[in-house]
Amino acid sequence: MKNLLFSTFVSSFIFIFYSCQSPNGQELYKTHCAGCHGLNLEGTSSGVKLLNPHWKNEEGRDYIRSTVKFGIPSTTMISWEKALTNKEVDAITNYLIETQGTQEAFEVNTEPETIETNQYTLKIEKIVVEHLTTPWGIEFVNSDSALISEKKGRLKWLIQGKLDTSFIEGLPKPHLASSTGGFMDIALDPDFDENRWIYLAYSHTNGHPKDKEALGMTKIVRGKISNNHWQQEQTLFEVPDSQKVVHGDRWGCRLLFDREGLLYFSIGDMGRAKDSQKLNKPSGKVFRIHPDGAIPIDNPFVDTPNALPAIYTLGNRNTQGLALHPQTGAIWSTDHGPQGGDELNILQKGANYGWPVITHGIGYNGEVISRKNRKKGMEQPVVQWTPSIAVCPTEFVTSPLFPKWHNNLLLGGLAFQELRRLELRGEKVRRQEILLKGMGRIRDLKFGPNGQLYVLTNSPDRVLQIVPQ
């Protein structure tokens, strides 16, 4: 009995001792801040660089602490006052101060050329390391050439592993007043060899592209490239100005063709979470159309009064990954959660994925979005990630170069800078393995015609080619 009491006392003491220790500023930064400001404070397309030599003084410390705690009004820098304790704010502030002046270490190329995984030794080649600005999507048009979309509104050619720095002329101008707007995904028509149609998703406004007060919404078009010019553009999906929003955020958008040749695309909730549940609003949905923009007659809401007939699913916060299962033909999707609650889903016609009525995450400011993570009539994710890895692209492995990974699912994370492999058993995730870590924000994944895996990264902006050694 005495031994039991003593053991209990020691366990309680250890728990209290470690509970009272100072929070880990680096881990808090990775969880809450790295998604916008980079794993190494290097900045991203949606957040500024946090390396500043003038911050190594008391005035800098006060400024950093105040900014972390209270945010910066009228910017994307939110207040963390409700999400973090004073000790946690101090820990992040101390980490930022201590890290200043160490940026030289981040610039040293210590990244491995090979990585050991459970089944393969992977050879990693950085085939493009400059002249790219926030690449978003990549599509191979043949065995030698691929198109890459850049967030700021450009398409570039990757030819025999080399980036052509010239621009394709005549492209539409995206609405760039939002930090998350711009060119997004690209896709090729299933009959591309015959018709040459290329599909593009981008943030659109009828106002000035740089006007922060202009109305905007994701738009889907297709066109053809001839003599490095974008031609014959056709609008496939666009809503009227009455359904656009000001200061939109989380535009989507991933594109995917299914086995029947129907085009699926996603639009994020645009910062209007409740609109994700409204069938007369475009935000927070996945859509399905014919390649020419026509509406399939069996879409789930074609006969619903006032509903947008192209809607396929609703309650999707910000779907940035769509992949077609090579055996079942089912569409698997990745959806950004808020702070926590990233999701992997299987899309079903007419299904409601719950945002924001149910969620496994909380608001960026620490406020509760919903006290429910389950409700009748709303789908549960196959798996969810808390804290958020900022899950983005996803792709099934069908390459003959990776037979041991046949039909595994690859997905990338932005904030955690991870490439993960998921082993599936039916509609369940059996095991996860982190393949890459800290080599950049994983924005897109694609297997090339010869079976190599191509990875687009942001911060730094690069193209990686991966093969088994």
Protein backbone atom coordinates (compact mmCIF):
# COMPACT_ATOMS: atom_id res chain seq x y z
CA MET A 1 0.00 0.00 0.00
CA LYS A 2 2.84 2.38 0.90
CA ASN A 3 4.57 1.57 -2.39
CA LEU A 4 1.36 2.28 -4.30
CA LEU A 5 0.91 5.64 -2.53
CA PHE A 6 4.54 6.56 -3.14
CA SER A 7 4.27 5.62 -6.81
CA THR A 8 1.10 7.68 -7.18
CA PHE A 9 2.78 10.65 -5.49
CA VAL A 10 5.82 10.44 -7.78
CA SER A 11 3.64 10.19 -10.91
CA SER A 12 1.58 13.19 -9.82
CA PHE A 13 4.72 15.18 -9.06
CA ILE A 14 6.22 14.43 -12.46
CA PHE A 15 2.96 15.40 -14.21
CA ILE A 16 2.73 18.70 -12.28
CA PHE A 17 6.44 19.42 -12.83
CA TYR A 18 6.26 19.03 -16.59
CA SER A 19 2.91 20.79 -16.79
CA CYS A 20 4.50 23.86 -15.21
CA GLN A 21 7.43 23.97 -17.59
CA SER A 22 7.58 26.76 -20.16
CA PRO A 23 5.81 25.99 -23.43
CA ASN A 24 7.96 25.04 -26.42
CA GLY A 25 8.02 28.14 -28.63
CA GLN A 26 9.31 26.30 -31.70
CA GLU A 27 6.58 23.68 -31.55
CA LEU A 28 3.92 26.35 -30.97
CA TYR A 29 5.27 28.29 -33.95
CA LYS A 30 5.13 25.19 -36.18
CA THR A 31 1.55 24.48 -35.14
CA HIS A 32 0.09 27.97 -35.33
CA CYS A 33 2.35 30.16 -37.48
CA ALA A 34 4.36 28.08 -39.98
CA GLY A 35 1.40 27.69 -42.34
CA CYS A 36 1.62 31.39 -43.26
CA HIS A 37 5.17 32.34 -42.35
CA GLY A 38 7.11 29.21 -43.33
CA LEU A 39 8.67 26.42 -41.30
CA ASN A 40 11.90 28.42 -41.01
CA LEU A 41 10.33 31.92 -40.84
CA GLU A 42 11.15 32.34 -44.53
CA GLY A 43 7.67 33.59 -45.46
CA THR A 44 5.15 32.18 -47.90
CA SER A 45 2.80 33.47 -50.56
CA SER A 46 0.23 34.24 -47.85
CA GLY A 47 2.52 35.41 -45.03
CA VAL A 48 5.52 37.70 -44.65
CA LYS A 49 9.08 36.68 -43.86
CA LEU A 50 9.79 36.85 -40.12
CA LEU A 51 13.56 37.17 -40.26
CA ASN A 52 14.42 40.78 -39.30
CA PRO A 53 17.70 41.80 -37.62
CA HIS A 54 16.06 44.89 -36.07
CA TRP A 55 13.91 42.66 -33.84
CA LYS A 56 16.79 41.67 -31.51
CA ASN A 57 16.02 44.38 -28.99
CA GLU A 58 13.34 45.23 -26.42
CA GLU A 59 11.34 47.37 -28.87
CA GLY A 60 11.31 44.46 -31.29
CA ARG A 61 10.26 42.05 -28.55
CA ASP A 62 7.34 44.27 -27.55
CA TYR A 63 6.27 44.63 -31.18
CA ILE A 64 6.40 40.89 -31.83
CA ARG A 65 4.51 40.02 -28.65
CA SER A 66 1.82 42.60 -29.35
CA THR A 67 1.44 41.42 -32.94
CA VAL A 68 1.15 37.75 -31.95
CA LYS A 69 -1.36 38.50 -29.21
CA PHE A 70 -3.52 41.20 -30.80
CA GLY A 71 -2.91 40.78 -34.55
CA ILE A 72 -2.78 43.62 -37.09
CA PRO A 73 -6.17 45.12 -38.04
CA SER A 74 -7.18 45.07 -41.73
CA THR A 75 -4.58 42.42 -42.55
CA THR A 76 -4.48 38.62 -42.57
CA MET A 77 -2.50 38.70 -39.28
CA ILE A 78 -5.18 37.62 -36.81
CA SER A 79 -5.26 37.94 -33.02
CA TRP A 80 -4.17 34.87 -31.03
CA GLU A 81 -5.31 36.35 -27.71
CA LYS A 82 -8.09 33.79 -27.24
CA ALA A 83 -6.22 30.82 -28.68
CA LEU A 84 -2.94 31.10 -26.79
CA THR A 85 -2.10 31.73 -23.16
CA ASN A 86 0.24 34.56 -22.18
CA LYS A 87 2.97 31.96 -21.55
CA GLU A 88 2.49 30.54 -25.05
CA VAL A 89 2.59 34.03 -26.62
CA ASP A 90 5.81 34.68 -24.71
CA ALA A 91 7.25 31.35 -25.87
CA ILE A 92 6.56 32.16 -29.54
CA THR A 93 7.99 35.67 -29.05
CA ASN A 94 11.16 34.25 -27.48
CA TYR A 95 11.53 31.72 -30.30
CA LEU A 96 11.24 34.45 -32.94
CA ILE A 97 13.77 36.62 -31.13
CA GLU A 98 16.23 33.75 -30.66
CA THR A 99 15.96 32.77 -34.32
CA GLN A 100 16.91 36.20 -35.69
CA GLY A 101 20.38 36.25 -37.20
CA THR A 102 20.34 32.54 -37.95
CA GLN A 103 18.94 32.87 -41.47
CA GLU A 104 22.31 31.90 -42.93
CA ALA A 105 21.75 28.40 -41.56
CA PHE A 106 18.48 28.16 -43.45
CA GLU A 107 20.20 29.03 -46.73
CA VAL A 108 22.76 26.23 -46.50
CA ASN A 109 21.74 23.37 -48.77
CA THR A 110 21.63 20.49 -46.33
CA GLU A 111 18.72 18.75 -48.01
CA PRO A 112 19.39 15.09 -48.78
CA GLU A 113 19.66 13.78 -52.32
CA THR A 114 18.26 10.43 -51.21
CA ILE A 115 15.72 9.48 -48.54
CA GLU A 116 15.08 6.10 -46.99
CA THR A 117 11.45 4.98 -46.80
CA ASN A 118 9.88 1.71 -45.73
CA GLN A 119 10.03 0.22 -49.23
CA TYR A 120 12.34 2.42 -51.30
CA THR A 121 15.39 4.59 -51.27
CA LEU A 122 14.15 7.69 -53.06
CA LYS A 123 16.40 9.75 -55.28
CA ILE A 124 15.40 13.43 -55.20
CA GLU A 125 16.47 15.76 -57.98
CA LYS A 126 15.73 19.49 -57.89
CA ILE A 127 15.12 20.04 -61.58
CA VAL A 128 13.83 23.64 -61.26
CA VAL A 129 15.16 25.90 -58.49
CA GLU A 130 14.76 29.40 -59.97
CA HIS A 131 12.50 31.54 -62.17
CA LEU A 132 9.35 30.05 -60.61
CA THR A 133 6.99 32.19 -58.53
CA THR A 134 4.54 30.24 -56.36
CA PRO A 135 3.80 27.35 -58.75
CA TRP A 136 0.32 25.90 -58.22
CA GLY A 137 -0.44 23.12 -60.73
CA ILE A 138 1.46 20.95 -63.21
CA GLU A 139 0.15 18.91 -66.16
CA PHE A 140 2.12 16.87 -68.71
CA VAL A 141 1.01 17.36 -72.30
CA ASN A 142 3.39 14.66 -73.60
CA SER A 143 6.49 12.73 -72.53
CA ASP A 144 8.72 15.79 -72.92
CA SER A 145 6.64 18.81 -71.92
CA ALA A 146 4.48 20.00 -69.05
CA LEU A 147 2.59 23.17 -68.20
CA ILE A 148 2.99 24.85 -64.81
CA SER A 149 0.60 27.47 -63.47
CA GLU A 150 1.92 30.27 -61.26
CA LYS A 151 -0.23 31.99 -58.67
CA LYS A 152 0.44 35.50 -59.98
CA GLY A 153 -1.21 34.68 -63.31
CA ARG A 154 1.27 32.94 -65.57
CA LEU A 155 1.61 29.62 -67.38
CA LYS A 156 5.10 28.31 -68.17
CA TRP A 157 6.49 25.34 -70.06
CA LEU A 158 8.69 22.68 -68.52
CA ILE A 159 10.47 21.12 -71.51
CA GLN A 160 12.74 18.10 -71.08
CA GLY A 161 13.20 18.99 -67.43
CA LYS A 162 14.12 22.64 -68.12
CA LEU A 163 11.92 25.63 -67.36
CA ASP A 164 11.12 27.95 -70.25
CA THR A 165 11.16 31.39 -68.62
CA SER A 166 9.09 33.03 -71.35
CA PHE A 167 5.41 33.68 -70.62
CA ILE A 168 2.38 32.45 -72.49
CA GLU A 169 0.61 35.57 -73.75
CA GLY A 170 -3.09 36.42 -73.72
CA LEU A 171 -4.04 34.79 -70.42
CA PRO A 172 -6.85 36.19 -68.24
CA LYS A 173 -5.82 38.46 -65.36
CA PRO A 174 -6.57 37.05 -61.90
CA HIS A 175 -7.90 39.01 -58.93
CA LEU A 176 -4.75 39.37 -56.84
CA ALA A 177 -6.01 41.64 -54.04
CA SER A 178 -6.48 38.54 -51.86
CA SER A 179 -3.33 36.84 -50.57
CA THR A 180 -4.79 33.46 -51.55
CA GLY A 181 -6.10 34.47 -54.99
CA GLY A 182 -4.50 33.99 -58.40
CA PHE A 183 -4.08 31.16 -60.90
CA MET A 184 -4.76 27.79 -59.36
CA ASP A 185 -5.07 24.36 -60.93
CA ILE A 186 -4.82 23.37 -64.58
CA ALA A 187 -6.06 20.22 -66.31
CA LEU A 188 -6.06 18.68 -69.77
CA ASP A 189 -9.15 17.48 -71.61
CA PRO A 190 -9.47 13.66 -71.67
CA ASP A 191 -9.28 14.00 -75.48
CA PHE A 192 -6.47 16.54 -75.38
CA ASP A 193 -4.49 14.88 -78.17
CA GLU A 194 -7.42 15.56 -80.51
CA ASN A 195 -8.95 18.81 -79.25
CA ARG A 196 -6.07 20.54 -77.33
CA TRP A 197 -8.34 22.02 -74.64
CA ILE A 198 -6.60 23.19 -71.44
CA TYR A 199 -8.66 23.98 -68.32
CA LEU A 200 -7.75 26.73 -65.86
CA ALA A 201 -9.14 27.84 -62.48
CA TYR A 202 -8.44 31.35 -61.21
CA SER A 203 -9.68 34.12 -58.92
CA HIS A 204 -11.82 36.43 -61.04
CA THR A 205 -13.30 39.90 -60.76
CA ASN A 206 -15.10 42.21 -63.16
CA GLY A 207 -13.43 45.09 -61.33
CA HIS A 208 -9.76 46.00 -61.24
CA PRO A 209 -7.59 42.93 -60.47
CA LYS A 210 -5.72 44.80 -57.71
CA ASP A 211 -8.73 46.47 -56.11
CA LYS A 212 -9.22 45.04 -52.60
CA GLU A 213 -12.85 46.18 -52.64
CA ALA A 214 -13.69 44.48 -55.94
CA LEU A 215 -16.14 41.59 -56.01
CA GLY A 216 -14.54 38.22 -56.76
CA MET A 217 -15.15 34.49 -57.11
CA THR A 218 -13.39 31.46 -58.59
CA LYS A 219 -13.90 31.09 -62.34
CA ILE A 220 -13.30 28.09 -64.62
CA VAL A 221 -12.30 28.58 -68.26
CA ARG A 222 -10.70 26.56 -71.02
CA GLY A 223 -8.52 27.59 -73.94
CA LYS A 224 -5.85 26.44 -76.36
CA ILE A 225 -2.21 27.41 -76.67
CA SER A 226 -0.87 28.18 -80.12
CA ASN A 227 2.48 29.86 -80.77
CA ASN A 228 2.73 30.52 -77.04
CA HIS A 229 -0.57 32.42 -77.02
CA TRP A 230 -3.73 31.56 -75.07
CA GLN A 231 -6.58 31.45 -77.59
CA GLN A 232 -10.24 30.48 -78.08
CA GLU A 233 -11.05 30.97 -74.40
CA GLN A 234 -14.45 29.71 -73.25
CA THR A 235 -16.08 30.36 -69.87
CA LEU A 236 -17.31 27.15 -68.28
CA PHE A 237 -18.32 28.39 -64.82
CA GLU A 238 -18.84 31.93 -63.58
CA VAL A 239 -21.38 33.38 -61.17
CA PRO A 240 -22.95 36.84 -61.49
CA ASP A 241 -21.64 39.71 -59.38
CA SER A 242 -24.56 39.28 -57.00
CA GLN A 243 -22.97 35.97 -55.89
CA LYS A 244 -19.40 37.24 -55.70
CA VAL A 245 -17.84 38.48 -52.45
CA VAL A 246 -15.50 41.24 -51.29
CA HIS A 247 -12.28 40.36 -49.45
CA GLY A 248 -12.64 36.71 -50.46
CA ASP A 249 -10.31 34.13 -48.98
CA ARG A 250 -9.90 30.38 -49.67
CA TRP A 251 -10.75 30.25 -53.38
CA GLY A 252 -10.04 26.52 -53.91
CA CYS A 253 -9.42 25.18 -56.55
CA ARG A 254 -8.48 21.73 -57.78
CA LEU A 255 -9.63 20.22 -61.11
CA LEU A 256 -10.26 16.55 -61.95
CA PHE A 257 -11.84 14.54 -64.77
CA ASP A 258 -13.58 11.27 -63.91
CA ARG A 259 -13.84 8.12 -66.02
CA GLU A 260 -16.93 9.43 -67.82
CA GLY A 261 -15.12 12.62 -68.82
CA LEU A 262 -16.99 14.89 -66.39
CA LEU A 263 -15.08 17.77 -64.84
CA TYR A 264 -15.03 18.28 -61.06
CA PHE A 265 -13.76 21.46 -59.44
CA SER A 266 -13.77 22.95 -55.95
CA ILE A 267 -14.39 26.43 -54.57
CA GLY A 268 -13.38 27.25 -50.99
CA ASP A 269 -15.66 28.95 -48.51
CA MET A 270 -14.23 32.39 -49.39
CA GLY A 271 -14.18 33.27 -45.71
CA ARG A 272 -17.99 32.94 -45.55
CA ALA A 273 -18.28 29.67 -43.66
CA LYS A 274 -22.08 29.60 -43.40
CA ASP A 275 -22.45 29.95 -47.19
CA SER A 276 -20.99 26.45 -47.49
CA GLN A 277 -24.41 25.13 -46.41
CA LYS A 278 -26.40 27.31 -48.85
CA LEU A 279 -27.24 25.77 -52.22
CA ASN A 280 -27.71 29.21 -53.81
CA LYS A 281 -24.12 30.22 -52.96
CA PRO A 282 -21.02 28.98 -54.82
CA SER A 283 -18.55 28.95 -51.93
CA GLY A 284 -17.71 25.83 -49.93
CA LYS A 285 -18.69 23.34 -52.64
CA VAL A 286 -17.42 20.79 -55.16
CA PHE A 287 -19.00 21.10 -58.62
CA ARG A 288 -19.49 18.78 -61.59
CA ILE A 289 -19.96 19.86 -65.21
CA HIS A 290 -19.44 18.59 -68.74
CA PRO A 291 -16.21 19.71 -70.42
CA ASP A 292 -18.11 22.43 -72.32
CA GLY A 293 -19.73 23.75 -69.13
CA ALA A 294 -23.10 22.04 -69.59
CA ILE A 295 -24.79 20.64 -66.49
CA PRO A 296 -25.12 16.83 -66.16
CA ILE A 297 -28.80 15.94 -65.96
CA ASP A 298 -28.19 13.66 -62.97
CA ASN A 299 -26.46 16.28 -60.82
CA PRO A 300 -28.00 16.07 -57.33
CA PHE A 301 -29.55 19.56 -57.15
CA VAL A 302 -30.64 20.26 -60.74
CA ASP A 303 -34.30 20.18 -59.68
CA THR A 304 -33.85 22.02 -56.37
CA PRO A 305 -35.34 25.54 -56.51
CA ASN A 306 -32.70 28.33 -56.42
CA ALA A 307 -29.83 25.84 -56.13
CA LEU A 308 -26.76 26.18 -58.36
CA PRO A 309 -27.24 23.16 -60.66
CA ALA A 310 -23.50 22.44 -60.98
CA ILE A 311 -23.14 21.62 -57.26
CA TYR A 312 -22.03 18.05 -56.56
CA THR A 313 -21.26 18.25 -52.80
CA LEU A 314 -21.56 20.93 -50.11
CA GLY A 315 -20.08 21.73 -46.72
CA ASN A 316 -16.49 21.63 -48.07
CA ARG A 317 -14.29 24.26 -46.41
CA ASN A 318 -11.45 24.46 -48.94
CA THR A 319 -10.82 21.38 -51.07
CA GLN A 320 -7.35 21.53 -52.64
CA GLY A 321 -6.83 17.88 -53.51
CA LEU A 322 -8.89 15.62 -55.81
CA ALA A 323 -7.79 12.12 -56.89
CA LEU A 324 -9.51 9.32 -58.79
CA HIS A 325 -9.16 5.86 -57.23
CA PRO A 326 -7.61 3.68 -59.98
CA GLN A 327 -9.75 0.65 -59.08
CA THR A 328 -13.09 1.95 -57.83
CA GLY A 329 -13.28 5.25 -59.71
CA ALA A 330 -14.26 6.98 -56.45
CA ILE A 331 -13.07 10.56 -55.96
CA TRP A 332 -10.99 11.14 -52.84
CA SER A 333 -10.54 14.72 -51.66
CA THR A 334 -8.48 16.67 -49.15
CA ASP A 335 -10.06 19.59 -47.32
CA HIS A 336 -8.36 22.31 -45.28
CA GLY A 337 -9.67 22.56 -41.75
CA PRO A 338 -9.35 25.74 -39.68
CA GLN A 339 -6.98 25.32 -36.71
CA GLY A 340 -7.16 21.53 -36.65
CA GLY A 341 -9.54 19.31 -38.52
CA ASP A 342 -7.91 18.83 -41.93
CA GLU A 343 -9.89 16.10 -43.68
CA LEU A 344 -9.55 13.27 -46.17
CA ASN A 345 -12.96 12.50 -47.71
CA ILE A 346 -14.55 10.32 -50.36
CA LEU A 347 -16.95 12.41 -52.41
CA GLN A 348 -20.50 11.14 -52.84
CA LYS A 349 -23.12 12.79 -55.03
CA GLY A 350 -25.22 15.25 -53.03
CA ALA A 351 -23.38 14.61 -49.76
CA ASN A 352 -22.91 17.25 -47.08
CA TYR A 353 -19.44 17.31 -45.47
CA GLY A 354 -20.57 19.46 -42.60
CA TRP A 355 -18.56 22.68 -42.63
CA PRO A 356 -19.11 24.72 -40.46
CA VAL A 357 -21.93 22.88 -38.67
CA ILE A 358 -19.52 20.11 -37.66
CA THR A 359 -15.74 20.30 -37.51
CA HIS A 360 -12.80 18.81 -35.66
CA GLY A 361 -11.05 22.21 -35.60
CA ILE A 362 -11.39 25.58 -33.90
CA GLY A 363 -11.07 29.13 -35.19
CA TYR A 364 -7.66 30.68 -35.75
CA ASN A 365 -8.42 33.07 -32.91
CA GLY A 366 -9.25 30.21 -30.55
CA GLU A 367 -13.01 30.64 -30.72
CA VAL A 368 -15.22 27.56 -30.92
CA ILE A 369 -16.72 27.20 -34.41
CA SER A 370 -19.00 24.33 -33.49
CA ARG A 371 -19.27 22.11 -30.45
CA LYS A 372 -20.26 19.24 -32.73
CA ASN A 373 -18.00 17.06 -34.84
CA ARG A 374 -20.76 14.67 -35.86
CA LYS A 375 -24.35 15.11 -37.03
CA LYS A 376 -26.89 12.90 -38.75
CA GLY A 377 -26.97 13.54 -42.49
CA MET A 378 -23.40 14.88 -42.59
CA GLU A 379 -20.38 12.84 -43.66
CA GLN A 380 -17.46 11.89 -41.46
CA PRO A 381 -13.92 12.12 -42.88
CA VAL A 382 -11.93 8.99 -43.64
CA VAL A 383 -9.24 10.55 -41.46
CA GLN A 384 -8.68 13.97 -39.93
CA TRP A 385 -5.49 15.73 -38.87
CA THR A 386 -5.25 17.84 -35.73
CA PRO A 387 -3.10 19.90 -35.62
CA SER A 388 -3.59 20.81 -39.26
CA ILE A 389 -0.87 19.86 -41.70
CA ALA A 390 -2.61 22.18 -44.23
CA VAL A 391 -3.33 19.19 -46.44
CA CYS A 392 -3.27 20.09 -50.13
CA PRO A 393 -2.62 17.90 -53.22
CA THR A 394 -3.38 14.20 -53.40
CA GLU A 395 -2.56 11.57 -56.02
CA PHE A 396 -2.93 7.80 -56.27
CA VAL A 397 0.19 5.80 -57.13
CA THR A 398 -0.18 4.05 -60.48
CA SER A 399 3.39 4.44 -61.69
CA PRO A 400 5.23 1.22 -62.73
CA LEU A 401 8.34 2.63 -61.03
CA PHE A 402 6.67 2.21 -57.61
CA PRO A 403 5.04 -1.25 -57.68
CA LYS A 404 5.27 -1.66 -53.88
CA TRP A 405 3.11 1.45 -53.51
CA HIS A 406 0.48 0.37 -56.02
CA ASN A 407 -2.83 2.20 -55.31
CA ASN A 408 -1.40 3.93 -52.25
CA LEU A 409 -2.46 7.55 -51.79
CA LEU A 410 0.09 10.36 -51.69
CA LEU A 411 -0.77 13.73 -50.22
CA GLY A 412 1.11 16.89 -49.44
CA GLY A 413 0.99 19.36 -46.57
CA LEU A 414 1.67 23.06 -46.80
CA ALA A 415 2.20 24.17 -43.20
CA PHE A 416 4.06 21.03 -42.12
CA GLN A 417 5.95 20.78 -45.44
CA GLU A 418 5.27 17.07 -45.68
CA LEU A 419 4.76 14.48 -48.38
CA ARG A 420 2.86 11.54 -46.91
CA ARG A 421 2.05 8.07 -48.18
CA LEU A 422 -1.20 6.47 -47.03
CA GLU A 423 -1.73 2.71 -47.21
CA LEU A 424 -5.42 1.99 -47.71
CA ARG A 425 -7.57 -0.99 -46.87
CA GLY A 426 -10.85 -0.45 -48.64
CA GLU A 427 -12.07 2.97 -47.52
CA LYS A 428 -9.87 3.05 -44.41
CA VAL A 429 -6.36 4.39 -43.89
CA ARG A 430 -4.23 1.55 -42.58
CA ARG A 431 -0.91 3.34 -42.17
CA GLN A 432 0.72 6.73 -42.84
CA GLU A 433 4.36 7.34 -43.66
CA ILE A 434 6.09 10.71 -43.97
CA LEU A 435 8.31 10.58 -47.06
CA LEU A 436 9.57 14.18 -47.23
CA LYS A 437 9.78 16.79 -44.50
CA GLY A 438 10.93 20.40 -44.56
CA MET A 439 11.71 20.71 -48.28
CA GLY A 440 8.99 23.27 -48.95
CA ARG A 441 5.22 23.60 -48.92
CA ILE A 442 3.89 20.74 -51.06
CA ARG A 443 1.53 22.33 -53.61
CA ASP A 444 1.01 19.72 -56.33
CA LEU A 445 1.87 16.10 -57.14
CA LYS A 446 1.87 14.45 -60.53
CA PHE A 447 3.30 11.30 -62.05
CA GLY A 448 4.93 12.00 -65.38
CA PRO A 449 4.47 9.92 -68.53
CA ASN A 450 7.64 7.96 -67.70
CA GLY A 451 6.53 7.21 -64.14
CA GLN A 452 8.60 9.75 -62.20
CA LEU A 453 6.90 11.63 -59.38
CA TYR A 454 6.96 15.40 -59.81
CA VAL A 455 6.44 17.61 -56.77
CA LEU A 456 5.72 21.35 -56.88
CA THR A 457 6.82 23.21 -53.77
CA ASN A 458 6.34 26.76 -52.53
CA SER A 459 8.79 28.51 -50.21
CA PRO A 460 11.09 27.63 -51.84
CA ASP A 461 9.46 27.56 -55.29
CA ARG A 462 10.79 24.46 -57.03
CA VAL A 463 10.05 21.36 -59.05
CA LEU A 464 11.34 18.10 -57.58
CA GLN A 465 11.61 14.82 -59.48
CA ILE A 466 11.53 11.65 -57.38
CA VAL A 467 12.29 8.08 -58.45
CA PRO A 468 13.33 4.93 -56.59
CA GLN A 469 17.09 4.55 -56.59
